[in-house]
N, C-alpha and C. Protein backbone atom coordinates (compact mmCIF):
# COMPACT_ATOMS: atom_id res chain seq x y z
N MET A 1 97.10 107.06 90.29
CA MET A 1 97.93 105.86 90.26
C MET A 1 98.71 105.77 91.58
N ILE A 2 98.67 104.64 92.20
CA ILE A 2 99.39 104.44 93.46
C ILE A 2 100.71 103.73 93.14
N ASN A 3 101.81 104.38 93.51
CA ASN A 3 103.13 103.79 93.31
C ASN A 3 103.86 103.56 94.63
N LYS A 4 103.65 104.49 95.57
CA LYS A 4 104.35 104.40 96.85
C LYS A 4 103.34 104.53 97.98
N LEU A 5 103.60 103.77 99.05
CA LEU A 5 102.74 103.82 100.22
C LEU A 5 103.58 104.10 101.44
N TYR A 6 102.96 104.68 102.43
CA TYR A 6 103.61 104.93 103.71
C TYR A 6 102.88 104.09 104.75
N ILE A 7 103.60 103.23 105.44
CA ILE A 7 103.03 102.37 106.47
C ILE A 7 103.31 103.00 107.82
N SER A 8 102.26 103.48 108.47
CA SER A 8 102.37 104.12 109.77
C SER A 8 102.09 103.07 110.84
N HIS A 9 102.97 102.99 111.85
CA HIS A 9 102.79 101.96 112.88
C HIS A 9 103.51 102.35 114.15
N ASP A 10 103.09 101.75 115.24
CA ASP A 10 103.76 101.90 116.52
C ASP A 10 105.02 101.03 116.48
N SER A 11 106.03 101.42 117.23
CA SER A 11 107.29 100.66 117.22
C SER A 11 107.09 99.20 117.63
N GLU A 12 106.07 98.91 118.43
CA GLU A 12 105.78 97.53 118.84
C GLU A 12 105.26 96.68 117.67
N ASP A 13 104.82 97.33 116.62
CA ASP A 13 104.23 96.62 115.47
C ASP A 13 105.17 96.57 114.27
N GLN A 14 106.46 96.72 114.51
CA GLN A 14 107.46 96.72 113.44
C GLN A 14 107.37 95.44 112.59
N GLY A 15 107.19 94.29 113.22
CA GLY A 15 107.11 93.03 112.48
C GLY A 15 105.94 93.00 111.51
N LEU A 16 104.78 93.46 111.94
CA LEU A 16 103.61 93.52 111.06
C LEU A 16 103.85 94.49 109.90
N ALA A 17 104.47 95.63 110.21
CA ALA A 17 104.76 96.62 109.17
C ALA A 17 105.71 96.05 108.12
N GLU A 18 106.72 95.33 108.56
CA GLU A 18 107.67 94.73 107.62
C GLU A 18 107.02 93.64 106.79
N GLU A 19 106.13 92.87 107.41
CA GLU A 19 105.40 91.83 106.66
C GLU A 19 104.53 92.45 105.57
N LEU A 20 103.85 93.54 105.91
CA LEU A 20 103.03 94.25 104.93
C LEU A 20 103.89 94.84 103.82
N ALA A 21 104.99 95.49 104.19
CA ALA A 21 105.89 96.10 103.20
C ALA A 21 106.43 95.05 102.23
N GLU A 22 106.76 93.88 102.75
CA GLU A 22 107.29 92.82 101.89
C GLU A 22 106.22 92.34 100.90
N ALA A 23 104.99 92.19 101.36
CA ALA A 23 103.91 91.77 100.47
C ALA A 23 103.65 92.82 99.39
N LEU A 24 103.69 94.09 99.78
CA LEU A 24 103.50 95.17 98.80
C LEU A 24 104.63 95.19 97.78
N TRP A 25 105.85 94.93 98.23
CA TRP A 25 107.00 94.85 97.32
C TRP A 25 106.78 93.75 96.29
N ARG A 26 106.25 92.61 96.74
CA ARG A 26 106.04 91.49 95.82
C ARG A 26 105.10 91.85 94.68
N VAL A 27 104.14 92.76 94.91
CA VAL A 27 103.21 93.15 93.84
C VAL A 27 103.63 94.45 93.17
N GLY A 28 104.86 94.87 93.41
CA GLY A 28 105.43 96.00 92.68
C GLY A 28 105.19 97.36 93.28
N LEU A 29 104.81 97.43 94.56
CA LEU A 29 104.59 98.73 95.19
C LEU A 29 105.71 99.01 96.19
N ASP A 30 106.25 100.21 96.11
CA ASP A 30 107.26 100.64 97.07
C ASP A 30 106.57 101.18 98.31
N SER A 31 107.20 100.98 99.45
CA SER A 31 106.60 101.54 100.66
C SER A 31 107.68 102.07 101.59
N TYR A 32 107.29 103.13 102.27
CA TYR A 32 108.09 103.66 103.37
C TYR A 32 107.48 103.08 104.63
N VAL A 33 108.31 102.45 105.44
CA VAL A 33 107.84 101.98 106.73
C VAL A 33 108.15 103.09 107.71
N SER A 34 107.18 103.42 108.56
CA SER A 34 107.31 104.52 109.51
C SER A 34 108.73 104.63 110.04
N MET A 35 109.24 105.82 110.06
CA MET A 35 110.64 106.08 110.34
C MET A 35 110.96 106.05 111.83
N HIS A 36 111.12 104.85 112.38
CA HIS A 36 111.47 104.75 113.80
C HIS A 36 112.98 104.79 114.01
N ARG A 37 113.72 104.49 112.96
CA ARG A 37 115.18 104.58 113.07
C ARG A 37 115.63 105.94 112.58
N ARG A 38 116.63 106.46 113.19
CA ARG A 38 117.15 107.79 112.82
C ARG A 38 118.05 107.67 111.58
N CYS A 39 117.93 108.67 110.72
CA CYS A 39 118.80 108.77 109.55
C CYS A 39 119.79 109.89 109.82
N LYS A 40 121.04 109.65 109.49
CA LYS A 40 122.03 110.72 109.65
C LYS A 40 121.73 111.82 108.64
N GLY A 41 121.82 113.05 109.09
CA GLY A 41 121.65 114.19 108.20
C GLY A 41 120.26 114.79 108.18
N ILE A 42 119.23 114.04 108.60
CA ILE A 42 117.89 114.62 108.67
C ILE A 42 117.23 114.19 109.98
N SER A 43 116.35 115.02 110.47
CA SER A 43 115.65 114.69 111.71
C SER A 43 114.58 113.63 111.44
N ARG A 44 114.14 112.99 112.49
CA ARG A 44 113.10 111.97 112.36
C ARG A 44 111.83 112.59 111.77
N SER A 45 111.47 113.79 112.26
CA SER A 45 110.24 114.42 111.76
C SER A 45 110.35 114.76 110.27
N GLU A 46 111.52 115.19 109.82
CA GLU A 46 111.70 115.47 108.39
C GLU A 46 111.64 114.19 107.57
N GLY A 47 112.19 113.11 108.11
CA GLY A 47 112.11 111.82 107.41
C GLY A 47 110.67 111.35 107.25
N VAL A 48 109.88 111.49 108.32
CA VAL A 48 108.47 111.11 108.28
C VAL A 48 107.73 112.00 107.28
N ALA A 49 107.93 113.30 107.36
CA ALA A 49 107.24 114.23 106.45
C ALA A 49 107.60 113.91 104.99
N TYR A 50 108.87 113.63 104.74
CA TYR A 50 109.30 113.27 103.39
C TYR A 50 108.59 112.00 102.92
N GLY A 51 108.56 110.99 103.78
CA GLY A 51 107.92 109.73 103.42
C GLY A 51 106.45 109.89 103.09
N ILE A 52 105.72 110.64 103.91
CA ILE A 52 104.29 110.82 103.67
C ILE A 52 104.05 111.70 102.44
N ARG A 53 104.81 112.78 102.29
CA ARG A 53 104.65 113.66 101.12
C ARG A 53 104.90 112.91 99.81
N ASN A 54 105.82 111.98 99.83
CA ASN A 54 106.19 111.27 98.60
C ASN A 54 105.44 109.96 98.42
N SER A 55 104.40 109.76 99.19
CA SER A 55 103.56 108.57 99.07
C SER A 55 102.20 108.96 98.51
N ASP A 56 101.58 108.00 97.87
CA ASP A 56 100.24 108.21 97.32
C ASP A 56 99.16 107.75 98.28
N CYS A 57 99.55 106.96 99.27
CA CYS A 57 98.59 106.34 100.17
C CYS A 57 99.26 106.08 101.51
N LEU A 58 98.50 106.22 102.59
CA LEU A 58 98.99 105.91 103.93
C LEU A 58 98.21 104.71 104.45
N ILE A 59 98.94 103.73 104.98
CA ILE A 59 98.30 102.58 105.60
C ILE A 59 98.68 102.58 107.08
N PRO A 60 97.77 103.03 107.94
CA PRO A 60 98.07 102.98 109.37
C PRO A 60 97.73 101.61 109.95
N LEU A 61 98.66 101.06 110.73
CA LEU A 61 98.42 99.80 111.44
C LEU A 61 97.83 100.16 112.79
N LEU A 62 96.54 100.00 112.91
CA LEU A 62 95.84 100.42 114.11
C LEU A 62 95.57 99.23 115.02
N THR A 63 96.66 98.77 115.62
CA THR A 63 96.58 97.73 116.64
C THR A 63 96.23 98.42 117.96
N THR A 64 96.21 97.65 119.04
CA THR A 64 95.98 98.25 120.35
C THR A 64 97.00 99.35 120.61
N ASN A 65 98.26 99.10 120.27
CA ASN A 65 99.31 100.11 120.44
C ASN A 65 99.18 101.23 119.41
N GLY A 66 98.87 100.89 118.17
CA GLY A 66 98.81 101.88 117.10
C GLY A 66 97.72 102.91 117.31
N VAL A 67 96.55 102.48 117.81
CA VAL A 67 95.45 103.40 118.04
C VAL A 67 95.83 104.46 119.07
N LEU A 68 96.63 104.06 120.06
CA LEU A 68 97.02 104.97 121.13
C LEU A 68 98.29 105.77 120.83
N SER A 69 98.98 105.41 119.76
CA SER A 69 100.26 106.04 119.43
C SER A 69 100.08 107.48 118.95
N ARG A 70 100.74 108.42 119.63
CA ARG A 70 100.71 109.81 119.19
C ARG A 70 101.31 109.94 117.80
N THR A 71 102.38 109.20 117.56
CA THR A 71 103.05 109.27 116.26
C THR A 71 102.13 108.82 115.13
N VAL A 72 101.47 107.68 115.31
CA VAL A 72 100.57 107.18 114.27
C VAL A 72 99.44 108.18 114.03
N ASN A 73 98.88 108.73 115.09
CA ASN A 73 97.80 109.70 114.94
C ASN A 73 98.27 110.98 114.25
N GLN A 74 99.48 111.44 114.57
CA GLN A 74 100.02 112.63 113.90
C GLN A 74 100.28 112.34 112.43
N GLU A 75 100.79 111.16 112.11
CA GLU A 75 101.05 110.80 110.72
C GLU A 75 99.74 110.74 109.93
N MET A 76 98.68 110.20 110.54
CA MET A 76 97.37 110.17 109.86
C MET A 76 96.86 111.59 109.63
N GLY A 77 97.01 112.46 110.63
CA GLY A 77 96.57 113.85 110.48
C GLY A 77 97.33 114.57 109.38
N PHE A 78 98.64 114.33 109.31
CA PHE A 78 99.46 114.94 108.26
C PHE A 78 99.01 114.44 106.89
N ALA A 79 98.77 113.13 106.77
CA ALA A 79 98.32 112.55 105.50
C ALA A 79 96.96 113.11 105.10
N ARG A 80 96.06 113.27 106.07
CA ARG A 80 94.74 113.87 105.78
C ARG A 80 94.91 115.29 105.26
N GLY A 81 95.80 116.06 105.92
CA GLY A 81 96.04 117.43 105.50
C GLY A 81 96.58 117.52 104.08
N LEU A 82 97.32 116.49 103.66
CA LEU A 82 97.86 116.44 102.29
C LEU A 82 96.88 115.77 101.32
N GLU A 83 95.72 115.38 101.84
CA GLU A 83 94.69 114.70 101.06
C GLU A 83 95.17 113.40 100.43
N ARG A 84 95.95 112.65 101.21
CA ARG A 84 96.39 111.33 100.76
C ARG A 84 95.30 110.30 101.04
N LEU A 85 95.23 109.31 100.21
CA LEU A 85 94.34 108.18 100.43
C LEU A 85 94.81 107.47 101.71
N ILE A 86 93.87 107.09 102.57
CA ILE A 86 94.21 106.35 103.79
C ILE A 86 93.43 105.05 103.79
N VAL A 87 94.15 103.94 103.90
CA VAL A 87 93.55 102.60 103.98
C VAL A 87 93.93 102.02 105.34
N PRO A 88 93.05 102.18 106.35
CA PRO A 88 93.41 101.74 107.70
C PRO A 88 93.28 100.23 107.89
N LEU A 89 94.26 99.66 108.55
CA LEU A 89 94.22 98.27 109.01
C LEU A 89 93.91 98.33 110.50
N LEU A 90 92.76 97.84 110.91
CA LEU A 90 92.27 97.98 112.28
C LEU A 90 92.18 96.62 112.95
N GLU A 91 92.88 96.48 114.07
CA GLU A 91 92.82 95.24 114.83
C GLU A 91 91.42 95.07 115.42
N GLU A 92 90.90 93.87 115.34
CA GLU A 92 89.57 93.57 115.86
C GLU A 92 89.46 94.00 117.32
N GLY A 93 88.36 94.67 117.65
CA GLY A 93 88.13 95.14 119.01
C GLY A 93 88.55 96.58 119.24
N GLU A 94 89.26 97.18 118.30
CA GLU A 94 89.70 98.58 118.42
C GLU A 94 88.75 99.47 117.63
N GLU A 95 88.82 100.77 117.88
CA GLU A 95 87.99 101.74 117.17
C GLU A 95 88.88 102.68 116.37
N LEU A 96 88.36 103.11 115.23
CA LEU A 96 89.10 104.07 114.42
C LEU A 96 89.21 105.40 115.16
N PRO A 97 90.35 106.06 115.08
CA PRO A 97 90.47 107.40 115.64
C PRO A 97 89.49 108.36 114.96
N PHE A 98 89.09 109.39 115.68
CA PHE A 98 88.10 110.35 115.21
C PHE A 98 88.37 110.88 113.81
N LEU A 99 89.60 111.25 113.54
CA LEU A 99 89.93 111.91 112.27
C LEU A 99 89.65 111.04 111.05
N ILE A 100 89.64 109.73 111.24
CA ILE A 100 89.39 108.83 110.10
C ILE A 100 88.20 107.90 110.37
N SER A 101 87.35 108.28 111.31
CA SER A 101 86.23 107.41 111.69
C SER A 101 85.23 107.18 110.55
N HIS A 102 85.26 107.99 109.52
CA HIS A 102 84.37 107.85 108.38
C HIS A 102 84.87 106.81 107.37
N LEU A 103 86.09 106.33 107.53
CA LEU A 103 86.67 105.40 106.57
C LEU A 103 86.25 103.96 106.85
N GLN A 104 86.32 103.13 105.83
CA GLN A 104 86.04 101.70 105.95
C GLN A 104 87.36 100.98 106.20
N PRO A 105 87.60 100.48 107.41
CA PRO A 105 88.88 99.83 107.69
C PRO A 105 88.91 98.38 107.22
N VAL A 106 90.11 97.85 107.07
CA VAL A 106 90.32 96.43 106.89
C VAL A 106 90.55 95.89 108.29
N VAL A 107 89.60 95.13 108.81
CA VAL A 107 89.67 94.62 110.18
C VAL A 107 90.43 93.29 110.17
N PHE A 108 91.29 93.11 111.18
CA PHE A 108 92.09 91.89 111.23
C PHE A 108 92.27 91.40 112.67
N ARG A 109 92.58 90.12 112.77
CA ARG A 109 93.05 89.50 114.01
C ARG A 109 94.53 89.29 113.82
N SER A 110 95.32 89.55 114.86
CA SER A 110 96.77 89.46 114.68
C SER A 110 97.21 88.08 114.22
N ALA A 111 96.51 87.01 114.61
CA ALA A 111 96.87 85.66 114.20
C ALA A 111 96.56 85.40 112.73
N GLU A 112 95.73 86.26 112.13
CA GLU A 112 95.33 86.09 110.73
C GLU A 112 95.67 87.34 109.91
N PHE A 113 96.82 87.94 110.19
CA PHE A 113 97.21 89.18 109.53
C PHE A 113 97.33 89.02 108.03
N GLU A 114 97.72 87.83 107.55
CA GLU A 114 97.86 87.60 106.11
C GLU A 114 96.55 87.84 105.37
N ASN A 115 95.42 87.51 106.02
CA ASN A 115 94.12 87.76 105.38
C ASN A 115 93.92 89.25 105.12
N ALA A 116 94.27 90.07 106.10
CA ALA A 116 94.14 91.52 105.95
C ALA A 116 95.08 92.05 104.87
N VAL A 117 96.28 91.52 104.82
CA VAL A 117 97.24 91.93 103.78
C VAL A 117 96.65 91.61 102.41
N GLY A 118 96.03 90.44 102.28
CA GLY A 118 95.38 90.06 101.03
C GLY A 118 94.27 91.03 100.63
N VAL A 119 93.48 91.48 101.61
CA VAL A 119 92.41 92.43 101.33
C VAL A 119 93.01 93.78 100.89
N VAL A 120 94.09 94.21 101.53
CA VAL A 120 94.75 95.46 101.13
C VAL A 120 95.25 95.35 99.69
N ILE A 121 95.91 94.25 99.35
CA ILE A 121 96.41 94.07 97.98
C ILE A 121 95.25 94.07 96.99
N ARG A 122 94.18 93.37 97.32
CA ARG A 122 93.01 93.32 96.44
C ARG A 122 92.42 94.72 96.25
N THR A 123 92.32 95.48 97.34
CA THR A 123 91.81 96.86 97.27
C THR A 123 92.69 97.71 96.37
N LEU A 124 94.00 97.61 96.55
CA LEU A 124 94.92 98.41 95.74
C LEU A 124 94.87 98.01 94.27
N ARG A 125 94.59 96.73 93.99
CA ARG A 125 94.46 96.30 92.60
C ARG A 125 93.28 96.99 91.92
N PHE A 126 92.23 97.30 92.68
CA PHE A 126 91.08 98.00 92.10
C PHE A 126 91.37 99.47 91.89
N LEU A 127 92.30 100.02 92.65
CA LEU A 127 92.60 101.45 92.58
C LEU A 127 93.75 101.80 91.64
N THR A 128 94.60 100.85 91.36
CA THR A 128 95.77 101.14 90.55
C THR A 128 96.11 99.92 89.70
N ARG A 129 96.98 100.12 88.78
CA ARG A 129 97.37 99.05 87.88
C ARG A 129 98.57 98.30 88.46
N LEU A 130 98.35 97.07 88.83
CA LEU A 130 99.42 96.20 89.30
C LEU A 130 99.59 95.10 88.27
N GLU A 131 100.77 95.03 87.66
CA GLU A 131 100.98 94.07 86.58
C GLU A 131 102.03 93.02 86.87
N TRP A 132 102.98 93.36 87.75
CA TRP A 132 104.13 92.49 87.94
C TRP A 132 104.19 91.92 89.35
N LEU A 133 104.70 90.73 89.42
CA LEU A 133 104.90 90.04 90.69
C LEU A 133 106.38 89.73 90.81
N LYS A 134 106.95 90.07 91.97
CA LYS A 134 108.35 89.72 92.24
C LYS A 134 108.35 88.55 93.22
N VAL A 135 109.06 87.51 92.85
CA VAL A 135 109.12 86.32 93.69
C VAL A 135 110.59 85.97 93.92
N ARG A 136 110.93 85.77 95.19
CA ARG A 136 112.27 85.29 95.52
C ARG A 136 112.15 83.80 95.78
N CYS A 137 112.85 83.00 94.96
CA CYS A 137 112.77 81.55 95.06
C CYS A 137 113.28 81.10 96.43
N ILE A 138 112.51 80.23 97.09
CA ILE A 138 112.91 79.75 98.41
C ILE A 138 113.94 78.62 98.32
N VAL A 139 114.25 78.18 97.11
CA VAL A 139 115.27 77.14 96.93
C VAL A 139 116.62 77.75 96.55
N CYS A 140 116.65 78.53 95.46
CA CYS A 140 117.93 79.09 94.98
C CYS A 140 118.18 80.53 95.44
N GLY A 141 117.14 81.20 95.93
CA GLY A 141 117.30 82.56 96.42
C GLY A 141 117.26 83.65 95.36
N GLU A 142 117.12 83.28 94.12
CA GLU A 142 117.07 84.28 93.05
C GLU A 142 115.72 84.97 93.01
N GLU A 143 115.74 86.22 92.56
CA GLU A 143 114.51 86.99 92.43
C GLU A 143 114.09 87.00 90.98
N MET A 144 112.83 86.68 90.75
CA MET A 144 112.30 86.68 89.39
C MET A 144 111.08 87.58 89.32
N THR A 145 110.79 88.04 88.13
CA THR A 145 109.63 88.89 87.89
C THR A 145 108.74 88.17 86.88
N GLN A 146 107.45 88.19 87.16
CA GLN A 146 106.50 87.57 86.24
C GLN A 146 105.20 88.37 86.27
N TYR A 147 104.30 88.06 85.35
CA TYR A 147 103.01 88.75 85.37
C TYR A 147 102.26 88.39 86.64
N LEU A 148 101.56 89.36 87.20
CA LEU A 148 100.75 89.15 88.38
C LEU A 148 99.53 88.32 88.00
N THR A 149 99.26 87.33 88.80
CA THR A 149 98.11 86.45 88.57
C THR A 149 96.83 87.28 88.53
N PRO A 150 95.96 87.05 87.53
CA PRO A 150 94.69 87.79 87.48
C PRO A 150 93.89 87.59 88.78
N GLN A 151 93.17 88.62 89.20
CA GLN A 151 92.43 88.58 90.46
C GLN A 151 91.40 87.46 90.48
N GLU A 152 90.79 87.15 89.34
CA GLU A 152 89.80 86.07 89.29
C GLU A 152 90.43 84.74 89.68
N GLU A 153 91.65 84.50 89.23
CA GLU A 153 92.36 83.26 89.57
C GLU A 153 92.75 83.25 91.04
N VAL A 154 93.15 84.40 91.56
CA VAL A 154 93.47 84.52 92.99
C VAL A 154 92.22 84.21 93.81
N ASP A 155 91.08 84.78 93.41
CA ASP A 155 89.82 84.55 94.13
C ASP A 155 89.44 83.07 94.11
N ARG A 156 89.64 82.40 92.98
CA ARG A 156 89.33 80.96 92.91
C ARG A 156 90.22 80.16 93.86
N ALA A 157 91.50 80.49 93.90
CA ALA A 157 92.42 79.79 94.80
C ALA A 157 92.02 80.01 96.25
N LEU A 158 91.64 81.24 96.58
CA LEU A 158 91.21 81.54 97.95
C LEU A 158 89.95 80.76 98.32
N SER A 159 88.98 80.71 97.42
CA SER A 159 87.72 80.01 97.73
C SER A 159 87.93 78.50 97.83
N ARG A 160 88.89 77.95 97.08
CA ARG A 160 89.19 76.51 97.15
C ARG A 160 90.16 76.17 98.27
N GLY A 161 90.81 77.19 98.81
CA GLY A 161 91.82 76.93 99.85
C GLY A 161 93.10 76.35 99.29
N THR A 162 93.41 76.69 98.03
CA THR A 162 94.62 76.18 97.39
C THR A 162 95.62 77.31 97.19
N SER A 163 96.81 76.95 96.80
CA SER A 163 97.84 77.94 96.53
C SER A 163 97.89 78.23 95.03
N LEU A 164 98.62 79.29 94.69
CA LEU A 164 98.93 79.58 93.30
C LEU A 164 100.22 78.86 92.97
N GLU A 165 100.42 78.52 91.73
CA GLU A 165 101.61 77.76 91.35
C GLU A 165 102.44 78.54 90.34
N THR A 166 103.76 78.42 90.45
CA THR A 166 104.66 79.02 89.48
C THR A 166 105.93 78.16 89.44
N ILE A 167 106.83 78.51 88.56
CA ILE A 167 108.11 77.80 88.43
C ILE A 167 109.22 78.83 88.45
N CYS A 168 110.26 78.56 89.23
CA CYS A 168 111.42 79.45 89.28
C CYS A 168 112.10 79.43 87.91
N SER A 169 112.32 80.60 87.35
CA SER A 169 112.94 80.68 86.03
C SER A 169 114.45 80.43 86.09
N TYR A 170 115.01 80.30 87.29
CA TYR A 170 116.45 80.04 87.44
C TYR A 170 116.72 78.57 87.70
N CYS A 171 116.14 78.01 88.75
CA CYS A 171 116.43 76.62 89.11
C CYS A 171 115.32 75.66 88.69
N GLU A 172 114.23 76.20 88.10
CA GLU A 172 113.10 75.44 87.58
C GLU A 172 112.36 74.62 88.64
N THR A 173 112.43 75.07 89.88
CA THR A 173 111.69 74.43 90.96
C THR A 173 110.25 74.92 90.92
N ARG A 174 109.31 73.98 91.12
CA ARG A 174 107.91 74.36 91.23
C ARG A 174 107.70 75.03 92.58
N LEU A 175 107.03 76.19 92.58
CA LEU A 175 106.79 76.94 93.81
C LEU A 175 105.30 77.14 94.01
N SER A 176 104.90 77.09 95.26
CA SER A 176 103.53 77.43 95.65
C SER A 176 103.56 78.83 96.24
N LEU A 177 102.55 79.63 95.91
CA LEU A 177 102.45 80.99 96.42
C LEU A 177 101.16 81.13 97.23
N ASP A 178 101.26 81.79 98.37
CA ASP A 178 100.08 82.10 99.18
C ASP A 178 99.23 83.08 98.35
N PRO A 179 97.97 82.77 98.05
CA PRO A 179 97.18 83.65 97.20
C PRO A 179 96.83 84.99 97.85
N ARG A 180 97.00 85.11 99.17
CA ARG A 180 96.71 86.38 99.84
C ARG A 180 97.88 87.34 99.70
N THR A 181 99.10 86.84 99.93
CA THR A 181 100.28 87.69 100.00
C THR A 181 101.29 87.42 98.89
N PHE A 182 101.06 86.38 98.10
CA PHE A 182 101.97 85.96 97.04
C PHE A 182 103.33 85.51 97.58
N LYS A 183 103.39 85.17 98.84
CA LYS A 183 104.63 84.72 99.47
C LYS A 183 104.88 83.26 99.09
N PRO A 184 106.11 82.96 98.62
CA PRO A 184 106.45 81.57 98.31
C PRO A 184 106.38 80.70 99.57
N MET A 185 105.85 79.48 99.38
CA MET A 185 105.71 78.54 100.50
C MET A 185 106.33 77.22 100.10
N TYR A 186 106.76 76.45 101.08
CA TYR A 186 107.21 75.09 100.81
C TYR A 186 106.01 74.24 100.53
N ARG A 187 106.12 73.31 99.62
CA ARG A 187 105.01 72.44 99.22
C ARG A 187 104.77 71.37 100.26
């Protein structure tokens, strides 16, 4: 069962890592984003080791910067040593590092990162039980929890190019959700 993930990334890719972490949060998965900020009381290396040890899966963001990052490569090696599941996100045109070259990456273009996030969520749905969706209303700002849309319905919305629909349980506003990331959108 996958409950927590560790997102490994180069400091230049912080925005992509946060976007991925937010999408994972919406489907009920906790994630540690690579520890680039220092925590008082523990070293950076201890924070990283703690995050990877307490995660069920590592998602390395292998952009042009990520592939070359010593930190990302060390985090992948540590995760391999702990026999953690690794689901690599690989920017188009880059190659997987040797240690994980046998894995099937989710390939993405930076302009279409949401598509890759959708594939990661879909993959995780096959590996673990995801039942709840957290949505923060873009009108009233309240956070609500509801059942996660069945994958078949998500697939239909994706093939039709339509959004998923829901209603805020607080302000009763109709909301559209991106079927890849479940992010609320303006209609």
